N, C-alpha and C. Protein backbone atom coordinates (compact mmCIF):
# COMPACT_ATOMS: atom_id res chain seq x y z
N UNK A 1 0.85 -1.16 0.00
CA UNK A 1 0.00 0.00 0.00
C UNK A 1 0.90 1.24 0.00
N UNK A 2 0.52 2.25 -0.78
CA UNK A 2 1.34 3.45 -0.92
C UNK A 2 0.58 4.66 -0.41
N UNK A 3 1.28 5.50 0.34
CA UNK A 3 0.73 6.77 0.81
C UNK A 3 1.41 7.89 0.04
N UNK A 4 0.61 8.84 -0.42
CA UNK A 4 1.12 10.03 -1.09
C UNK A 4 0.73 11.24 -0.26
N UNK A 5 1.71 12.08 0.04
CA UNK A 5 1.48 13.22 0.90
C UNK A 5 1.87 14.48 0.14
N UNK A 6 0.94 15.42 0.05
CA UNK A 6 1.18 16.72 -0.56
C UNK A 6 1.22 17.74 0.57
N UNK A 7 2.34 18.46 0.69
CA UNK A 7 2.51 19.45 1.74
C UNK A 7 2.69 20.81 1.07
N UNK A 8 1.86 21.77 1.47
CA UNK A 8 1.92 23.11 0.91
C UNK A 8 1.88 24.14 2.03
N UNK A 9 2.39 25.32 1.73
CA UNK A 9 2.31 26.40 2.70
C UNK A 9 0.86 26.86 2.83
N UNK A 10 0.47 27.22 4.04
CA UNK A 10 -0.88 27.73 4.27
C UNK A 10 -1.04 29.05 3.55
N UNK A 11 -2.29 29.37 3.19
CA UNK A 11 -2.59 30.67 2.59
C UNK A 11 -2.15 31.77 3.54
N UNK A 12 -1.57 32.81 3.00
CA UNK A 12 -1.10 33.93 3.81
C UNK A 12 0.35 33.82 4.24
N UNK A 13 0.95 32.62 4.10
CA UNK A 13 2.36 32.45 4.44
C UNK A 13 3.19 32.79 3.21
N UNK A 14 4.18 33.65 3.39
CA UNK A 14 5.02 34.05 2.27
C UNK A 14 5.76 32.84 1.70
N UNK A 15 5.87 32.80 0.38
CA UNK A 15 6.51 31.68 -0.32
C UNK A 15 7.63 32.21 -1.21
N UNK A 16 8.81 32.48 -0.63
CA UNK A 16 9.90 33.04 -1.44
C UNK A 16 10.35 32.12 -2.58
N UNK A 17 10.30 30.81 -2.39
CA UNK A 17 10.67 29.90 -3.48
C UNK A 17 9.67 30.00 -4.62
N UNK A 18 8.39 30.07 -4.28
CA UNK A 18 7.37 30.22 -5.30
C UNK A 18 7.55 31.51 -6.09
N UNK A 19 7.89 32.60 -5.38
CA UNK A 19 8.13 33.89 -6.05
C UNK A 19 9.34 33.79 -6.99
N UNK A 20 10.40 33.12 -6.55
CA UNK A 20 11.60 32.97 -7.38
C UNK A 20 11.29 32.15 -8.64
N UNK A 21 10.50 31.09 -8.48
CA UNK A 21 10.10 30.27 -9.63
C UNK A 21 9.27 31.11 -10.59
N UNK A 22 8.33 31.88 -10.04
CA UNK A 22 7.46 32.73 -10.86
C UNK A 22 8.29 33.72 -11.67
N UNK A 23 9.23 34.39 -11.03
CA UNK A 23 10.08 35.36 -11.72
C UNK A 23 10.93 34.69 -12.79
N UNK A 24 11.44 33.49 -12.50
CA UNK A 24 12.24 32.76 -13.48
C UNK A 24 11.42 32.36 -14.69
N UNK A 25 10.20 31.92 -14.46
CA UNK A 25 9.32 31.56 -15.58
C UNK A 25 9.05 32.77 -16.47
N UNK A 26 8.79 33.91 -15.81
CA UNK A 26 8.57 35.14 -16.61
C UNK A 26 9.82 35.50 -17.40
N UNK A 27 10.99 35.35 -16.77
CA UNK A 27 12.25 35.65 -17.44
C UNK A 27 12.52 34.74 -18.62
N UNK A 28 11.98 33.53 -18.58
CA UNK A 28 12.14 32.58 -19.69
C UNK A 28 11.09 32.76 -20.78
N UNK A 29 10.19 33.74 -20.55
CA UNK A 29 9.19 34.03 -21.57
C UNK A 29 7.86 33.32 -21.40
N UNK A 30 7.63 32.67 -20.28
CA UNK A 30 6.35 32.00 -20.05
C UNK A 30 5.36 33.03 -19.51
N UNK A 31 4.47 33.49 -20.39
CA UNK A 31 3.47 34.48 -20.02
C UNK A 31 2.23 33.80 -19.46
N UNK A 32 1.44 34.56 -18.73
CA UNK A 32 0.16 34.06 -18.25
C UNK A 32 0.23 33.29 -16.95
N UNK A 33 1.38 33.25 -16.31
CA UNK A 33 1.50 32.59 -15.00
C UNK A 33 1.23 33.66 -13.94
N UNK A 34 0.13 33.53 -13.23
CA UNK A 34 -0.26 34.55 -12.26
C UNK A 34 0.44 34.38 -10.91
N UNK A 35 0.62 33.15 -10.47
CA UNK A 35 1.21 32.92 -9.16
C UNK A 35 1.78 31.50 -9.13
N UNK A 36 2.78 31.29 -8.29
CA UNK A 36 3.38 29.97 -8.11
C UNK A 36 3.51 29.72 -6.61
N UNK A 37 3.05 28.56 -6.16
CA UNK A 37 3.23 28.12 -4.79
C UNK A 37 4.01 26.83 -4.85
N UNK A 38 5.08 26.75 -4.09
CA UNK A 38 5.95 25.59 -4.10
C UNK A 38 5.63 24.75 -2.87
N UNK A 39 5.75 23.43 -2.99
CA UNK A 39 5.47 22.55 -1.86
C UNK A 39 6.34 21.31 -1.90
N UNK A 40 5.94 20.30 -1.13
CA UNK A 40 6.67 19.03 -1.06
C UNK A 40 5.73 17.89 -1.40
N UNK A 41 6.28 16.83 -1.96
CA UNK A 41 5.54 15.61 -2.25
C UNK A 41 6.33 14.45 -1.69
N UNK A 42 5.70 13.64 -0.87
CA UNK A 42 6.37 12.50 -0.23
C UNK A 42 5.56 11.24 -0.52
N UNK A 43 6.23 10.16 -0.90
CA UNK A 43 5.60 8.85 -1.05
C UNK A 43 6.17 7.91 0.00
N UNK A 44 5.29 7.18 0.65
CA UNK A 44 5.70 6.20 1.65
C UNK A 44 5.07 4.86 1.31
N UNK A 45 5.89 3.82 1.23
CA UNK A 45 5.39 2.47 1.01
C UNK A 45 5.08 1.86 2.37
N UNK A 46 3.84 1.41 2.54
CA UNK A 46 3.38 0.84 3.81
C UNK A 46 3.10 -0.64 3.66
N UNK A 47 3.22 -1.36 4.77
CA UNK A 47 2.83 -2.78 4.77
C UNK A 47 1.33 -2.84 4.48
N UNK A 48 0.91 -3.90 3.80
CA UNK A 48 -0.51 -4.06 3.50
C UNK A 48 -1.32 -4.00 4.79
N UNK A 49 -2.48 -3.41 4.68
CA UNK A 49 -3.34 -3.31 5.85
C UNK A 49 -4.59 -2.52 5.52
N UNK A 50 -5.23 -2.04 6.54
CA UNK A 50 -6.47 -1.28 6.42
C UNK A 50 -6.16 0.14 5.96
N UNK A 51 -6.84 0.60 4.89
CA UNK A 51 -6.58 1.92 4.33
C UNK A 51 -6.92 3.02 5.33
N UNK A 52 -7.98 2.85 6.09
CA UNK A 52 -8.37 3.87 7.08
C UNK A 52 -7.31 4.00 8.16
N UNK A 53 -6.82 2.86 8.65
CA UNK A 53 -5.77 2.88 9.68
C UNK A 53 -4.47 3.46 9.11
N UNK A 54 -4.17 3.13 7.85
CA UNK A 54 -2.96 3.64 7.22
C UNK A 54 -3.02 5.16 7.09
N UNK A 55 -4.19 5.69 6.70
CA UNK A 55 -4.33 7.14 6.56
C UNK A 55 -4.15 7.82 7.91
N UNK A 56 -4.71 7.23 8.96
CA UNK A 56 -4.55 7.79 10.30
C UNK A 56 -3.09 7.78 10.73
N UNK A 57 -2.39 6.69 10.42
CA UNK A 57 -0.98 6.56 10.79
C UNK A 57 -0.12 7.59 10.05
N UNK A 58 -0.38 7.78 8.75
CA UNK A 58 0.39 8.74 7.96
C UNK A 58 0.06 10.17 8.41
N UNK A 59 -1.18 10.43 8.75
CA UNK A 59 -1.54 11.74 9.28
C UNK A 59 -0.79 12.04 10.57
N UNK A 60 -0.63 11.02 11.41
CA UNK A 60 0.15 11.18 12.64
C UNK A 60 1.62 11.48 12.32
N UNK A 61 2.16 10.81 11.28
CA UNK A 61 3.53 11.07 10.84
C UNK A 61 3.68 12.54 10.42
N UNK A 62 2.67 13.03 9.69
CA UNK A 62 2.70 14.42 9.24
C UNK A 62 2.67 15.38 10.43
N UNK A 63 1.82 15.10 11.38
CA UNK A 63 1.68 15.97 12.56
C UNK A 63 2.97 16.01 13.38
N UNK A 64 3.66 14.87 13.45
CA UNK A 64 4.84 14.78 14.31
C UNK A 64 6.16 15.13 13.62
N UNK A 65 6.24 14.91 12.29
CA UNK A 65 7.54 15.07 11.64
C UNK A 65 7.49 15.69 10.25
N UNK A 66 6.65 15.19 9.39
CA UNK A 66 6.74 15.50 7.97
C UNK A 66 6.31 16.92 7.60
N UNK A 67 5.36 17.48 8.32
CA UNK A 67 4.86 18.82 8.02
C UNK A 67 5.02 19.73 9.22
N UNK A 68 5.31 20.97 8.97
CA UNK A 68 5.32 21.99 10.02
C UNK A 68 3.90 22.57 10.04
N UNK A 69 3.05 22.03 10.90
CA UNK A 69 1.63 22.36 10.86
C UNK A 69 1.33 23.80 11.27
N UNK A 70 2.31 24.52 11.75
CA UNK A 70 2.11 25.94 12.05
C UNK A 70 1.97 26.73 10.74
N UNK A 71 2.77 26.37 9.73
CA UNK A 71 2.75 27.12 8.47
C UNK A 71 2.39 26.27 7.25
N UNK A 72 2.22 24.95 7.42
CA UNK A 72 1.95 24.07 6.28
C UNK A 72 0.66 23.28 6.47
N UNK A 73 -0.01 23.04 5.35
CA UNK A 73 -1.14 22.12 5.28
C UNK A 73 -0.66 20.85 4.60
N UNK A 74 -1.35 19.75 4.83
CA UNK A 74 -1.01 18.51 4.13
C UNK A 74 -2.27 17.76 3.76
N UNK A 75 -2.14 16.94 2.70
CA UNK A 75 -3.22 16.07 2.25
C UNK A 75 -2.63 14.70 2.02
N UNK A 76 -3.34 13.67 2.49
CA UNK A 76 -2.87 12.29 2.41
C UNK A 76 -3.77 11.50 1.47
N UNK A 77 -3.17 10.77 0.54
CA UNK A 77 -3.88 9.83 -0.34
C UNK A 77 -3.32 8.44 -0.09
N UNK A 78 -4.19 7.46 0.01
CA UNK A 78 -3.77 6.06 0.19
C UNK A 78 -4.21 5.25 -1.03
N UNK A 79 -3.26 4.56 -1.65
CA UNK A 79 -3.57 3.64 -2.76
C UNK A 79 -3.40 2.21 -2.26
N UNK A 80 -4.42 1.43 -2.47
CA UNK A 80 -4.34 0.02 -2.05
C UNK A 80 -3.47 -0.79 -2.98
C-alpha cells in the first residue's frame, strides 16, 4: 500500500521559493502565470493493511515530523 502526501504552505504564508520560480518563468518568456506556490511531495510504502488505519498513521507522521503544521497544510492519499 502506498501513501502520497502533498505538503503546501498555508494561505497567507510568504513563499519566497514560489516567487523565485514565478520570476524565473517570466524571465524565460512564459506568459500568463499569475502565481506559483511551491510545496513538497512525499511517497511512503506501507505494509498491506487497512486503508483507514494507514491514513490515520500517515496523518500522525505528518503531525509529528513531515509537516510543520504551524505554516503548512497537508493532504494524504492512500492507494491500495
